[in-house]
Amino acid sequence: MTTALVDYDSGNLHSAQKAFERMAVEVGAGPIIVTSDPDVVAGADRIVLPGDGAFPHCRAELFARTGLAEAITEAVTTRARPFFGICVGMQMMATTGHEYEPTPGFDWVAGDIRRISPTDAALKVPHMGWNDLVIDNPHPVLAGISTGDHAYFVHSYAMDVTDAVERLAHVDYGGDVTAIIGRDTMIGTQFHPEKSQDAGLRMIGNFLRWMP
């Protein structure tokens, strides 16, 4: 079993790589391969797509690598390989991003990426730091994760999910902010699980042994 951690110069891969490698050893999940090679992605048993920065830039960088976005799409939507999107990697699962300009996502989970607007003026944007998860819908990757567990966020945009069933968790930051989305063999977190200590590592371990 191999897990492809996609490298397209739009994510802090070091922290994610270390966290996934650690949990892969713990759960016996096989190698974690950091790659931008479409053939390696196509042959992987699981795919992880990180992402930091602006939505349009991340999408442009991903699609600039010949065949990479297509390999991800084929693996996830046709061959049902488990997929984990992190931060902007999660946002790219949406229909459209609205950061700077409308930018199409993969449209795997219907919804739009919009700037968060806390009702409390004391709450700053970007949303940076720890927040308590509120679990909305169960999922195997959330086994052992409960409402009140902490996750680490760094973002200014979040997803408005069209179908409430596909929003798995949210946080309160002057209003509901989507924290986790998912359907079928896909899951994504707005927060960084690799920086979210016990809860994040548990999610990573659950993903690595998930057999949808």
N, C-alpha and C. Protein backbone atom coordinates (compact mmCIF):
# COMPACT_ATOMS: atom_id res chain seq x y z
N MET A 1 0.85 -1.19 0.00
CA MET A 1 0.00 0.00 0.00
C MET A 1 0.89 1.24 0.00
N THR A 2 0.65 2.13 -0.93
CA THR A 2 1.42 3.36 -1.00
C THR A 2 0.49 4.57 -0.92
N THR A 3 0.99 5.65 -0.34
CA THR A 3 0.27 6.91 -0.27
C THR A 3 1.08 7.97 -0.98
N ALA A 4 0.49 8.62 -1.98
CA ALA A 4 1.16 9.70 -2.70
C ALA A 4 0.82 11.03 -2.04
N LEU A 5 1.83 11.74 -1.57
CA LEU A 5 1.70 13.09 -1.04
C LEU A 5 2.12 14.03 -2.17
N VAL A 6 1.16 14.72 -2.75
CA VAL A 6 1.39 15.44 -4.00
C VAL A 6 2.20 16.71 -3.76
N ASP A 7 3.30 16.83 -4.50
CA ASP A 7 4.20 17.98 -4.42
C ASP A 7 4.01 18.84 -5.66
N TYR A 8 3.44 20.05 -5.48
CA TYR A 8 3.28 20.96 -6.61
C TYR A 8 3.65 22.39 -6.21
N ASP A 9 4.60 22.47 -5.27
CA ASP A 9 5.14 23.75 -4.80
C ASP A 9 4.07 24.67 -4.21
N SER A 10 3.07 24.09 -3.60
CA SER A 10 2.00 24.91 -3.00
C SER A 10 1.59 24.39 -1.63
N GLY A 11 2.52 23.77 -0.93
CA GLY A 11 2.18 23.29 0.40
C GLY A 11 3.43 23.12 1.24
N ASN A 12 3.28 23.19 2.55
CA ASN A 12 4.39 22.93 3.46
C ASN A 12 4.50 21.42 3.62
N LEU A 13 5.25 20.80 2.73
CA LEU A 13 5.27 19.34 2.69
C LEU A 13 6.04 18.72 3.84
N HIS A 14 6.99 19.43 4.40
CA HIS A 14 7.85 18.81 5.42
C HIS A 14 7.03 18.33 6.61
N SER A 15 6.19 19.21 7.17
CA SER A 15 5.40 18.82 8.33
C SER A 15 4.42 17.71 8.00
N ALA A 16 3.77 17.83 6.84
CA ALA A 16 2.80 16.80 6.44
C ALA A 16 3.52 15.47 6.21
N GLN A 17 4.65 15.51 5.53
CA GLN A 17 5.38 14.27 5.27
C GLN A 17 5.75 13.57 6.58
N LYS A 18 6.28 14.31 7.54
CA LYS A 18 6.68 13.71 8.81
C LYS A 18 5.49 13.11 9.54
N ALA A 19 4.36 13.82 9.55
CA ALA A 19 3.18 13.31 10.25
C ALA A 19 2.63 12.06 9.58
N PHE A 20 2.56 12.06 8.25
CA PHE A 20 2.04 10.89 7.55
C PHE A 20 3.00 9.72 7.67
N GLU A 21 4.30 9.98 7.61
CA GLU A 21 5.27 8.89 7.78
C GLU A 21 5.17 8.29 9.18
N ARG A 22 5.03 9.14 10.18
CA ARG A 22 4.92 8.63 11.55
C ARG A 22 3.71 7.73 11.70
N MET A 23 2.57 8.18 11.19
CA MET A 23 1.35 7.40 11.37
C MET A 23 1.34 6.16 10.47
N ALA A 24 1.99 6.25 9.32
CA ALA A 24 2.08 5.07 8.45
C ALA A 24 2.82 3.94 9.14
N VAL A 25 3.87 4.28 9.89
CA VAL A 25 4.60 3.27 10.66
C VAL A 25 3.70 2.69 11.74
N GLU A 26 2.96 3.57 12.44
CA GLU A 26 2.11 3.11 13.55
C GLU A 26 1.02 2.16 13.09
N VAL A 27 0.44 2.43 11.93
CA VAL A 27 -0.70 1.62 11.49
C VAL A 27 -0.33 0.61 10.40
N GLY A 28 0.94 0.55 10.04
CA GLY A 28 1.39 -0.39 9.03
C GLY A 28 0.82 -0.12 7.65
N ALA A 29 0.85 1.16 7.25
CA ALA A 29 0.17 1.58 6.01
C ALA A 29 1.07 1.58 4.78
N GLY A 30 2.35 1.26 4.93
CA GLY A 30 3.22 1.27 3.77
C GLY A 30 3.86 2.64 3.57
N PRO A 31 4.59 2.80 2.45
CA PRO A 31 5.38 4.01 2.24
C PRO A 31 4.55 5.24 1.91
N ILE A 32 5.08 6.40 2.33
CA ILE A 32 4.58 7.71 1.94
C ILE A 32 5.53 8.24 0.88
N ILE A 33 5.02 8.53 -0.32
CA ILE A 33 5.86 8.96 -1.42
C ILE A 33 5.51 10.40 -1.78
N VAL A 34 6.46 11.31 -1.60
CA VAL A 34 6.28 12.70 -2.01
C VAL A 34 6.59 12.78 -3.49
N THR A 35 5.63 13.23 -4.30
CA THR A 35 5.80 13.11 -5.74
C THR A 35 5.02 14.16 -6.51
N SER A 36 5.54 14.52 -7.68
CA SER A 36 4.79 15.30 -8.66
C SER A 36 4.65 14.51 -9.95
N ASP A 37 4.96 13.22 -9.91
CA ASP A 37 4.92 12.35 -11.08
C ASP A 37 3.51 11.79 -11.27
N PRO A 38 2.84 12.11 -12.37
CA PRO A 38 1.48 11.61 -12.58
C PRO A 38 1.39 10.09 -12.55
N ASP A 39 2.42 9.41 -13.03
CA ASP A 39 2.38 7.94 -13.03
C ASP A 39 2.43 7.37 -11.62
N VAL A 40 3.20 8.00 -10.75
CA VAL A 40 3.26 7.56 -9.35
C VAL A 40 1.93 7.81 -8.67
N VAL A 41 1.35 8.99 -8.91
CA VAL A 41 0.03 9.30 -8.35
C VAL A 41 -1.01 8.31 -8.84
N ALA A 42 -0.97 8.02 -10.14
CA ALA A 42 -1.96 7.09 -10.71
C ALA A 42 -1.86 5.70 -10.10
N GLY A 43 -0.65 5.31 -9.70
CA GLY A 43 -0.47 3.98 -9.15
C GLY A 43 -0.59 3.88 -7.65
N ALA A 44 -0.80 5.01 -6.98
CA ALA A 44 -0.86 5.01 -5.52
C ALA A 44 -2.20 4.46 -5.02
N ASP A 45 -2.17 3.94 -3.80
CA ASP A 45 -3.40 3.42 -3.18
C ASP A 45 -4.19 4.52 -2.49
N ARG A 46 -3.51 5.59 -2.09
CA ARG A 46 -4.15 6.74 -1.47
C ARG A 46 -3.45 8.00 -1.95
N ILE A 47 -4.19 9.11 -1.94
CA ILE A 47 -3.64 10.38 -2.41
C ILE A 47 -3.91 11.46 -1.38
N VAL A 48 -2.88 12.26 -1.09
CA VAL A 48 -3.00 13.39 -0.18
C VAL A 48 -2.61 14.65 -0.95
N LEU A 49 -3.50 15.65 -0.95
CA LEU A 49 -3.24 16.91 -1.64
C LEU A 49 -3.20 18.04 -0.62
N PRO A 50 -1.99 18.54 -0.28
CA PRO A 50 -1.90 19.69 0.61
C PRO A 50 -2.11 20.97 -0.19
N GLY A 51 -2.00 22.11 0.48
CA GLY A 51 -2.10 23.39 -0.23
C GLY A 51 -2.06 24.55 0.74
N ASP A 52 -1.18 25.49 0.47
CA ASP A 52 -1.09 26.72 1.26
C ASP A 52 -1.08 27.90 0.29
N GLY A 53 -1.69 29.00 0.71
CA GLY A 53 -1.68 30.20 -0.12
C GLY A 53 -3.03 30.45 -0.76
N ALA A 54 -3.01 31.16 -1.87
CA ALA A 54 -4.25 31.56 -2.54
C ALA A 54 -4.77 30.45 -3.44
N PHE A 55 -6.07 30.30 -3.47
CA PHE A 55 -6.73 29.26 -4.27
C PHE A 55 -6.31 29.33 -5.74
N PRO A 56 -6.37 30.51 -6.41
CA PRO A 56 -6.01 30.52 -7.84
C PRO A 56 -4.57 30.09 -8.09
N HIS A 57 -3.67 30.50 -7.22
CA HIS A 57 -2.26 30.13 -7.40
C HIS A 57 -2.08 28.63 -7.25
N CYS A 58 -2.70 28.05 -6.21
CA CYS A 58 -2.55 26.61 -6.00
C CYS A 58 -3.12 25.82 -7.18
N ARG A 59 -4.26 26.24 -7.68
CA ARG A 59 -4.85 25.53 -8.81
C ARG A 59 -3.96 25.66 -10.05
N ALA A 60 -3.44 26.87 -10.28
CA ALA A 60 -2.58 27.08 -11.44
C ALA A 60 -1.32 26.23 -11.36
N GLU A 61 -0.72 26.14 -10.19
CA GLU A 61 0.48 25.34 -10.02
C GLU A 61 0.19 23.86 -10.24
N LEU A 62 -0.95 23.39 -9.75
CA LEU A 62 -1.30 21.98 -9.92
C LEU A 62 -1.52 21.65 -11.39
N PHE A 63 -2.29 22.49 -12.09
CA PHE A 63 -2.62 22.20 -13.47
C PHE A 63 -1.47 22.51 -14.43
N ALA A 64 -0.46 23.24 -13.96
CA ALA A 64 0.70 23.52 -14.80
C ALA A 64 1.59 22.30 -14.98
N ARG A 65 1.43 21.32 -14.11
CA ARG A 65 2.25 20.10 -14.19
C ARG A 65 1.52 19.08 -15.05
N THR A 66 2.07 18.83 -16.20
CA THR A 66 1.40 18.04 -17.22
C THR A 66 0.92 16.70 -16.70
N GLY A 67 -0.38 16.51 -16.77
CA GLY A 67 -0.98 15.24 -16.43
C GLY A 67 -1.24 15.01 -14.95
N LEU A 68 -0.77 15.91 -14.08
CA LEU A 68 -0.88 15.65 -12.64
C LEU A 68 -2.32 15.75 -12.15
N ALA A 69 -3.00 16.86 -12.48
CA ALA A 69 -4.40 17.01 -12.05
C ALA A 69 -5.27 15.91 -12.66
N GLU A 70 -4.97 15.55 -13.90
CA GLU A 70 -5.74 14.50 -14.56
C GLU A 70 -5.53 13.14 -13.88
N ALA A 71 -4.30 12.88 -13.45
CA ALA A 71 -4.01 11.62 -12.76
C ALA A 71 -4.74 11.55 -11.42
N ILE A 72 -4.78 12.69 -10.72
CA ILE A 72 -5.51 12.73 -9.44
C ILE A 72 -6.99 12.48 -9.69
N THR A 73 -7.55 13.18 -10.65
CA THR A 73 -8.98 13.04 -10.95
C THR A 73 -9.34 11.62 -11.34
N GLU A 74 -8.55 11.02 -12.20
CA GLU A 74 -8.80 9.64 -12.63
C GLU A 74 -8.75 8.68 -11.45
N ALA A 75 -7.73 8.84 -10.60
CA ALA A 75 -7.58 7.94 -9.46
C ALA A 75 -8.75 8.07 -8.47
N VAL A 76 -9.17 9.31 -8.25
CA VAL A 76 -10.18 9.56 -7.21
C VAL A 76 -11.59 9.30 -7.72
N THR A 77 -11.93 9.82 -8.89
CA THR A 77 -13.33 9.75 -9.34
C THR A 77 -13.66 8.49 -10.12
N THR A 78 -12.67 7.90 -10.79
CA THR A 78 -12.93 6.69 -11.57
C THR A 78 -12.56 5.42 -10.80
N ARG A 79 -11.38 5.44 -10.15
CA ARG A 79 -10.92 4.25 -9.46
C ARG A 79 -11.14 4.29 -7.96
N ALA A 80 -11.77 5.36 -7.48
CA ALA A 80 -12.20 5.48 -6.08
C ALA A 80 -11.06 5.29 -5.08
N ARG A 81 -9.89 5.85 -5.40
CA ARG A 81 -8.79 5.84 -4.45
C ARG A 81 -9.09 6.83 -3.32
N PRO A 82 -8.87 6.46 -2.07
CA PRO A 82 -9.08 7.39 -0.97
C PRO A 82 -8.24 8.65 -1.14
N PHE A 83 -8.87 9.80 -0.89
CA PHE A 83 -8.25 11.11 -1.11
C PHE A 83 -8.40 11.96 0.14
N PHE A 84 -7.32 12.67 0.50
CA PHE A 84 -7.32 13.56 1.67
C PHE A 84 -6.80 14.92 1.19
N GLY A 85 -7.67 15.96 1.19
CA GLY A 85 -7.27 17.31 0.87
C GLY A 85 -7.03 18.11 2.13
N ILE A 86 -5.94 18.87 2.17
CA ILE A 86 -5.57 19.63 3.36
C ILE A 86 -5.52 21.11 3.02
N CYS A 87 -6.25 21.93 3.76
CA CYS A 87 -6.29 23.38 3.63
C CYS A 87 -6.73 23.75 2.21
N VAL A 88 -5.90 24.38 1.39
CA VAL A 88 -6.33 24.71 0.03
C VAL A 88 -6.53 23.44 -0.79
N GLY A 89 -5.84 22.36 -0.44
CA GLY A 89 -6.10 21.08 -1.08
C GLY A 89 -7.53 20.62 -0.86
N MET A 90 -8.08 20.91 0.31
CA MET A 90 -9.49 20.65 0.55
C MET A 90 -10.36 21.61 -0.26
N GLN A 91 -10.00 22.88 -0.29
CA GLN A 91 -10.80 23.87 -1.01
C GLN A 91 -10.92 23.52 -2.49
N MET A 92 -9.89 22.91 -3.06
CA MET A 92 -9.95 22.56 -4.47
C MET A 92 -10.94 21.43 -4.76
N MET A 93 -11.47 20.79 -3.73
CA MET A 93 -12.53 19.82 -3.93
C MET A 93 -13.86 20.49 -4.27
N ALA A 94 -13.96 21.79 -4.04
CA ALA A 94 -15.21 22.54 -4.20
C ALA A 94 -15.50 22.84 -5.67
N THR A 95 -16.66 23.44 -5.90
CA THR A 95 -17.07 23.81 -7.26
C THR A 95 -16.28 25.02 -7.75
N THR A 96 -16.26 26.09 -6.93
CA THR A 96 -15.63 27.35 -7.36
C THR A 96 -14.98 28.03 -6.17
N GLY A 97 -13.80 28.58 -6.38
CA GLY A 97 -13.17 29.44 -5.40
C GLY A 97 -13.38 30.90 -5.77
N HIS A 98 -13.57 31.75 -4.77
CA HIS A 98 -13.84 33.18 -5.03
C HIS A 98 -12.78 34.06 -4.37
N GLU A 99 -11.53 33.62 -4.41
CA GLU A 99 -10.43 34.41 -3.88
C GLU A 99 -9.78 35.16 -5.05
N TYR A 100 -9.90 36.48 -5.05
CA TYR A 100 -9.43 37.37 -6.12
C TYR A 100 -10.32 37.29 -7.36
N GLU A 101 -10.61 36.10 -7.82
CA GLU A 101 -11.43 35.93 -9.03
C GLU A 101 -12.06 34.53 -8.99
N PRO A 102 -13.23 34.36 -9.63
CA PRO A 102 -13.82 33.03 -9.67
C PRO A 102 -12.88 32.04 -10.36
N THR A 103 -12.61 30.95 -9.67
CA THR A 103 -11.68 29.94 -10.16
C THR A 103 -12.29 28.57 -9.97
N PRO A 104 -12.38 27.75 -11.02
CA PRO A 104 -13.01 26.44 -10.86
C PRO A 104 -12.17 25.50 -10.01
N GLY A 105 -12.88 24.72 -9.18
CA GLY A 105 -12.24 23.63 -8.45
C GLY A 105 -12.52 22.31 -9.14
N PHE A 106 -12.26 21.22 -8.44
CA PHE A 106 -12.54 19.90 -9.00
C PHE A 106 -14.04 19.61 -9.08
N ASP A 107 -14.84 20.30 -8.27
CA ASP A 107 -16.29 20.09 -8.23
C ASP A 107 -16.65 18.68 -7.79
N TRP A 108 -15.91 18.18 -6.81
CA TRP A 108 -16.22 16.87 -6.23
C TRP A 108 -17.24 17.00 -5.10
N VAL A 109 -17.17 18.09 -4.37
CA VAL A 109 -18.13 18.40 -3.30
C VAL A 109 -18.73 19.76 -3.65
N ALA A 110 -20.02 19.78 -3.91
CA ALA A 110 -20.66 21.01 -4.38
C ALA A 110 -20.58 22.10 -3.31
N GLY A 111 -20.14 23.29 -3.74
CA GLY A 111 -20.05 24.41 -2.83
C GLY A 111 -19.03 25.42 -3.31
N ASP A 112 -18.94 26.54 -2.60
CA ASP A 112 -18.08 27.66 -2.99
C ASP A 112 -17.14 28.04 -1.87
N ILE A 113 -15.95 28.47 -2.25
CA ILE A 113 -14.95 28.94 -1.29
C ILE A 113 -15.06 30.46 -1.21
N ARG A 114 -15.42 30.95 -0.03
CA ARG A 114 -15.63 32.39 0.16
C ARG A 114 -14.89 32.88 1.40
N ARG A 115 -14.60 34.17 1.41
CA ARG A 115 -13.89 34.77 2.54
C ARG A 115 -14.74 34.67 3.79
N ILE A 116 -14.12 34.28 4.89
CA ILE A 116 -14.86 34.20 6.15
C ILE A 116 -15.12 35.61 6.66
N SER A 117 -16.29 35.80 7.29
CA SER A 117 -16.71 37.12 7.76
C SER A 117 -17.27 36.99 9.17
N PRO A 118 -16.41 36.97 10.18
CA PRO A 118 -16.89 36.82 11.55
C PRO A 118 -17.83 37.95 11.95
N THR A 119 -18.88 37.61 12.68
CA THR A 119 -19.82 38.63 13.15
C THR A 119 -19.21 39.48 14.26
N ASP A 120 -18.22 38.96 14.94
CA ASP A 120 -17.54 39.67 16.02
C ASP A 120 -16.32 40.40 15.44
N ALA A 121 -16.33 41.73 15.49
CA ALA A 121 -15.24 42.51 14.90
C ALA A 121 -13.91 42.27 15.58
N ALA A 122 -13.92 41.71 16.77
CA ALA A 122 -12.68 41.42 17.48
C ALA A 122 -11.98 40.19 16.92
N LEU A 123 -12.69 39.39 16.13
CA LEU A 123 -12.11 38.20 15.53
C LEU A 123 -11.45 38.57 14.20
N LYS A 124 -10.18 38.34 14.10
CA LYS A 124 -9.41 38.79 12.96
C LYS A 124 -9.43 37.76 11.83
N VAL A 125 -9.22 38.26 10.62
CA VAL A 125 -9.02 37.43 9.44
C VAL A 125 -7.63 37.77 8.89
N PRO A 126 -6.76 36.78 8.68
CA PRO A 126 -7.04 35.34 8.69
C PRO A 126 -7.32 34.76 10.07
N HIS A 127 -8.06 33.69 10.06
CA HIS A 127 -8.33 32.87 11.24
C HIS A 127 -7.09 32.03 11.49
N MET A 128 -6.38 32.34 12.56
CA MET A 128 -5.13 31.64 12.87
C MET A 128 -5.17 31.13 14.30
N GLY A 129 -4.89 29.84 14.47
CA GLY A 129 -4.80 29.28 15.80
C GLY A 129 -5.73 28.10 16.00
N TRP A 130 -5.92 27.77 17.27
CA TRP A 130 -6.68 26.58 17.65
C TRP A 130 -8.16 26.88 17.76
N ASN A 131 -8.97 25.91 17.39
CA ASN A 131 -10.41 26.04 17.53
C ASN A 131 -11.00 24.67 17.80
N ASP A 132 -12.18 24.66 18.43
CA ASP A 132 -12.84 23.41 18.81
C ASP A 132 -13.73 22.91 17.68
N LEU A 133 -13.53 21.67 17.30
CA LEU A 133 -14.37 21.06 16.27
C LEU A 133 -15.77 20.78 16.80
N VAL A 134 -16.75 20.92 15.92
CA VAL A 134 -18.12 20.47 16.18
C VAL A 134 -18.43 19.44 15.09
N ILE A 135 -18.63 18.19 15.48
CA ILE A 135 -18.87 17.13 14.52
C ILE A 135 -20.33 17.18 14.06
N ASP A 136 -20.53 17.27 12.74
CA ASP A 136 -21.87 17.35 12.16
C ASP A 136 -22.36 16.01 11.63
N ASN A 137 -21.48 15.24 11.03
CA ASN A 137 -21.85 13.95 10.43
C ASN A 137 -20.73 12.96 10.64
N PRO A 138 -21.06 11.69 10.91
CA PRO A 138 -20.02 10.70 11.17
C PRO A 138 -19.26 10.33 9.89
N HIS A 139 -18.05 9.81 10.10
CA HIS A 139 -17.21 9.36 8.98
C HIS A 139 -16.13 8.46 9.57
N PRO A 140 -15.73 7.40 8.86
CA PRO A 140 -14.69 6.51 9.40
C PRO A 140 -13.39 7.22 9.75
N VAL A 141 -13.01 8.25 9.00
CA VAL A 141 -11.76 8.96 9.29
C VAL A 141 -11.88 9.78 10.58
N LEU A 142 -13.10 9.99 11.05
CA LEU A 142 -13.32 10.73 12.30
C LEU A 142 -13.49 9.81 13.50
N ALA A 143 -13.22 8.53 13.35
CA ALA A 143 -13.32 7.60 14.48
C ALA A 143 -12.41 8.06 15.61
N GLY A 144 -12.98 8.20 16.80
CA GLY A 144 -12.22 8.66 17.96
C GLY A 144 -12.09 10.17 18.07
N ILE A 145 -12.65 10.91 17.10
CA ILE A 145 -12.65 12.38 17.14
C ILE A 145 -14.02 12.83 17.64
N SER A 146 -14.03 13.73 18.61
CA SER A 146 -15.28 14.17 19.23
C SER A 146 -15.41 15.68 19.17
N THR A 147 -16.65 16.16 19.27
CA THR A 147 -16.88 17.59 19.44
C THR A 147 -16.08 18.10 20.63
N GLY A 148 -15.37 19.19 20.42
CA GLY A 148 -14.52 19.74 21.46
C GLY A 148 -13.05 19.46 21.25
N ASP A 149 -12.72 18.49 20.38
CA ASP A 149 -11.32 18.27 20.05
C ASP A 149 -10.78 19.47 19.27
N HIS A 150 -9.49 19.72 19.43
CA HIS A 150 -8.88 20.93 18.89
C HIS A 150 -8.22 20.68 17.54
N ALA A 151 -8.26 21.69 16.68
CA ALA A 151 -7.57 21.64 15.40
C ALA A 151 -6.93 23.00 15.13
N TYR A 152 -5.87 23.00 14.34
CA TYR A 152 -5.09 24.21 14.09
C TYR A 152 -5.37 24.76 12.70
N PHE A 153 -5.84 26.02 12.66
CA PHE A 153 -6.27 26.67 11.42
C PHE A 153 -5.35 27.84 11.05
N VAL A 154 -5.14 28.02 9.74
CA VAL A 154 -4.52 29.23 9.20
C VAL A 154 -5.19 29.47 7.85
N HIS A 155 -6.19 30.37 7.81
CA HIS A 155 -6.91 30.57 6.54
C HIS A 155 -7.77 31.83 6.62
N SER A 156 -8.09 32.34 5.43
CA SER A 156 -9.02 33.47 5.31
C SER A 156 -10.28 33.09 4.55
N TYR A 157 -10.26 31.97 3.87
CA TYR A 157 -11.39 31.52 3.06
C TYR A 157 -11.83 30.14 3.55
N ALA A 158 -13.11 29.86 3.39
CA ALA A 158 -13.65 28.57 3.80
C ALA A 158 -14.80 28.20 2.87
N MET A 159 -15.27 26.98 3.00
CA MET A 159 -16.24 26.44 2.05
C MET A 159 -17.67 26.56 2.56
N ASP A 160 -18.55 27.09 1.71
CA ASP A 160 -19.99 26.99 1.90
C ASP A 160 -20.45 25.73 1.17
N VAL A 161 -20.82 24.71 1.93
CA VAL A 161 -21.15 23.41 1.35
C VAL A 161 -22.62 23.38 0.97
N THR A 162 -22.92 22.95 -0.25
CA THR A 162 -24.30 22.93 -0.74
C THR A 162 -25.14 21.90 -0.03
N ASP A 163 -24.63 20.69 0.14
CA ASP A 163 -25.35 19.58 0.77
C ASP A 163 -24.82 19.40 2.18
N ALA A 164 -25.68 19.65 3.18
CA ALA A 164 -25.24 19.60 4.57
C ALA A 164 -24.68 18.24 4.96
N VAL A 165 -25.09 17.19 4.29
CA VAL A 165 -24.58 15.85 4.60
C VAL A 165 -23.08 15.77 4.33
N GLU A 166 -22.59 16.59 3.39
CA GLU A 166 -21.19 16.54 3.01
C GLU A 166 -20.31 17.46 3.85
N ARG A 167 -20.91 18.19 4.79
CA ARG A 167 -20.13 18.92 5.78
C ARG A 167 -20.03 18.04 7.01
N LEU A 168 -18.84 17.56 7.30
CA LEU A 168 -18.66 16.61 8.39
C LEU A 168 -18.39 17.29 9.73
N ALA A 169 -17.85 18.50 9.69
CA ALA A 169 -17.57 19.22 10.94
C ALA A 169 -17.40 20.70 10.64
N HIS A 170 -17.64 21.52 11.68
CA HIS A 170 -17.41 22.95 11.56
C HIS A 170 -16.82 23.47 12.87
N VAL A 171 -16.43 24.73 12.85
CA VAL A 171 -16.02 25.43 14.06
C VAL A 171 -16.80 26.74 14.13
N ASP A 172 -16.83 27.31 15.32
CA ASP A 172 -17.46 28.61 15.53
C ASP A 172 -16.37 29.67 15.54
N TYR A 173 -16.40 30.55 14.55
CA TYR A 173 -15.47 31.68 14.52
C TYR A 173 -16.28 32.89 14.08
N GLY A 174 -17.10 33.38 15.02
CA GLY A 174 -18.03 34.45 14.69
C GLY A 174 -19.06 33.99 13.68
N GLY A 175 -19.45 32.73 13.77
CA GLY A 175 -20.33 32.07 12.82
C GLY A 175 -19.75 30.72 12.43
N ASP A 176 -20.58 29.90 11.83
CA ASP A 176 -20.12 28.56 11.43
C ASP A 176 -19.09 28.65 10.30
N VAL A 177 -17.98 27.96 10.48
CA VAL A 177 -16.94 27.86 9.46
C VAL A 177 -16.68 26.38 9.21
N THR A 178 -16.80 25.96 7.96
CA THR A 178 -16.60 24.56 7.61
C THR A 178 -15.18 24.13 7.95
N ALA A 179 -15.09 22.99 8.64
CA ALA A 179 -13.79 22.45 9.04
C ALA A 179 -13.42 21.17 8.30
N ILE A 180 -14.42 20.31 8.03
CA ILE A 180 -14.17 19.03 7.37
C ILE A 180 -15.30 18.76 6.39
N ILE A 181 -14.94 18.32 5.19
CA ILE A 181 -15.93 17.91 4.20
C ILE A 181 -15.61 16.50 3.74
N GLY A 182 -16.60 15.84 3.15
CA GLY A 182 -16.32 14.52 2.62
C GLY A 182 -17.52 13.87 1.96
N ARG A 183 -17.23 12.99 1.02
CA ARG A 183 -18.22 12.09 0.46
C ARG A 183 -17.48 10.95 -0.23
N ASP A 184 -18.15 9.82 -0.36
CA ASP A 184 -17.57 8.65 -1.02
C ASP A 184 -16.18 8.36 -0.44
N THR A 185 -15.14 8.35 -1.28
CA THR A 185 -13.78 8.05 -0.81
C THR A 185 -12.95 9.31 -0.61
N MET A 186 -13.61 10.46 -0.49
CA MET A 186 -12.91 11.74 -0.39
C MET A 186 -13.17 12.38 0.96
N ILE A 187 -12.12 12.97 1.51
CA ILE A 187 -12.29 13.77 2.73
C ILE A 187 -11.31 14.94 2.66
N GLY A 188 -11.68 16.05 3.27
CA GLY A 188 -10.80 17.21 3.29
C GLY A 188 -10.95 17.98 4.58
N THR A 189 -9.85 18.57 5.04
CA THR A 189 -9.87 19.39 6.25
C THR A 189 -9.38 20.79 5.94
N GLN A 190 -10.12 21.80 6.42
CA GLN A 190 -9.66 23.18 6.27
C GLN A 190 -8.45 23.42 7.17
N PHE A 191 -8.41 22.75 8.30
CA PHE A 191 -7.28 22.89 9.22
C PHE A 191 -6.13 21.97 8.78
N HIS A 192 -5.02 22.10 9.47
CA HIS A 192 -3.84 21.30 9.19
C HIS A 192 -3.76 20.14 10.18
N PRO A 193 -4.11 18.92 9.77
CA PRO A 193 -4.05 17.80 10.72
C PRO A 193 -2.63 17.52 11.20
N GLU A 194 -1.66 17.79 10.34
CA GLU A 194 -0.27 17.52 10.71
C GLU A 194 0.22 18.45 11.82
N LYS A 195 -0.51 19.55 12.07
CA LYS A 195 -0.16 20.49 13.12
C LYS A 195 -1.17 20.47 14.27
N SER A 196 -2.10 19.53 14.23
CA SER A 196 -3.22 19.50 15.19
C SER A 196 -3.05 18.45 16.27
N GLN A 197 -1.83 18.07 16.54
CA GLN A 197 -1.48 17.19 17.64
C GLN A 197 -2.31 15.91 17.63
N ASP A 198 -2.84 15.49 18.77
CA ASP A 198 -3.44 14.16 18.88
C ASP A 198 -4.61 13.96 17.93
N ALA A 199 -5.51 14.94 17.85
CA ALA A 199 -6.68 14.77 16.98
C ALA A 199 -6.27 14.67 15.52
N GLY A 200 -5.33 15.50 15.10
CA GLY A 200 -4.89 15.47 13.72
C GLY A 200 -4.17 14.18 13.37
N LEU A 201 -3.30 13.72 14.27
CA LEU A 201 -2.59 12.47 14.02
C LEU A 201 -3.56 11.29 13.99
N ARG A 202 -4.57 11.32 14.82
CA ARG A 202 -5.58 10.25 14.80
C ARG A 202 -6.29 10.22 13.45
N MET A 203 -6.66 11.40 12.94
CA MET A 203 -7.31 11.45 11.62
C MET A 203 -6.40 10.90 10.53
N ILE A 204 -5.13 11.27 10.57
CA ILE A 204 -4.19 10.77 9.58
C ILE A 204 -4.09 9.26 9.65
N GLY A 205 -3.97 8.73 10.87
CA GLY A 205 -3.91 7.28 11.03
C GLY A 205 -5.17 6.59 10.54
N ASN A 206 -6.32 7.18 10.86
CA ASN A 206 -7.59 6.61 10.39
C ASN A 206 -7.65 6.60 8.86
N PHE A 207 -7.20 7.69 8.23
CA PHE A 207 -7.20 7.74 6.78
C PHE A 207 -6.30 6.67 6.18
N LEU A 208 -5.15 6.46 6.76
CA LEU A 208 -4.18 5.53 6.21
C LEU A 208 -4.63 4.07 6.32
N ARG A 209 -5.55 3.79 7.24
CA ARG A 209 -6.05 2.41 7.31
C ARG A 209 -7.49 2.29 6.81
N TRP A 210 -8.03 3.38 6.28
CA TRP A 210 -9.40 3.39 5.78
C TRP A 210 -9.48 2.54 4.52
N MET A 211 -10.45 1.65 4.50
CA MET A 211 -10.69 0.77 3.35
C MET A 211 -12.13 0.95 2.89
N PRO A 212 -12.43 2.02 2.12
CA PRO A 212 -13.82 2.29 1.73
C PRO A 212 -14.38 1.18 0.84
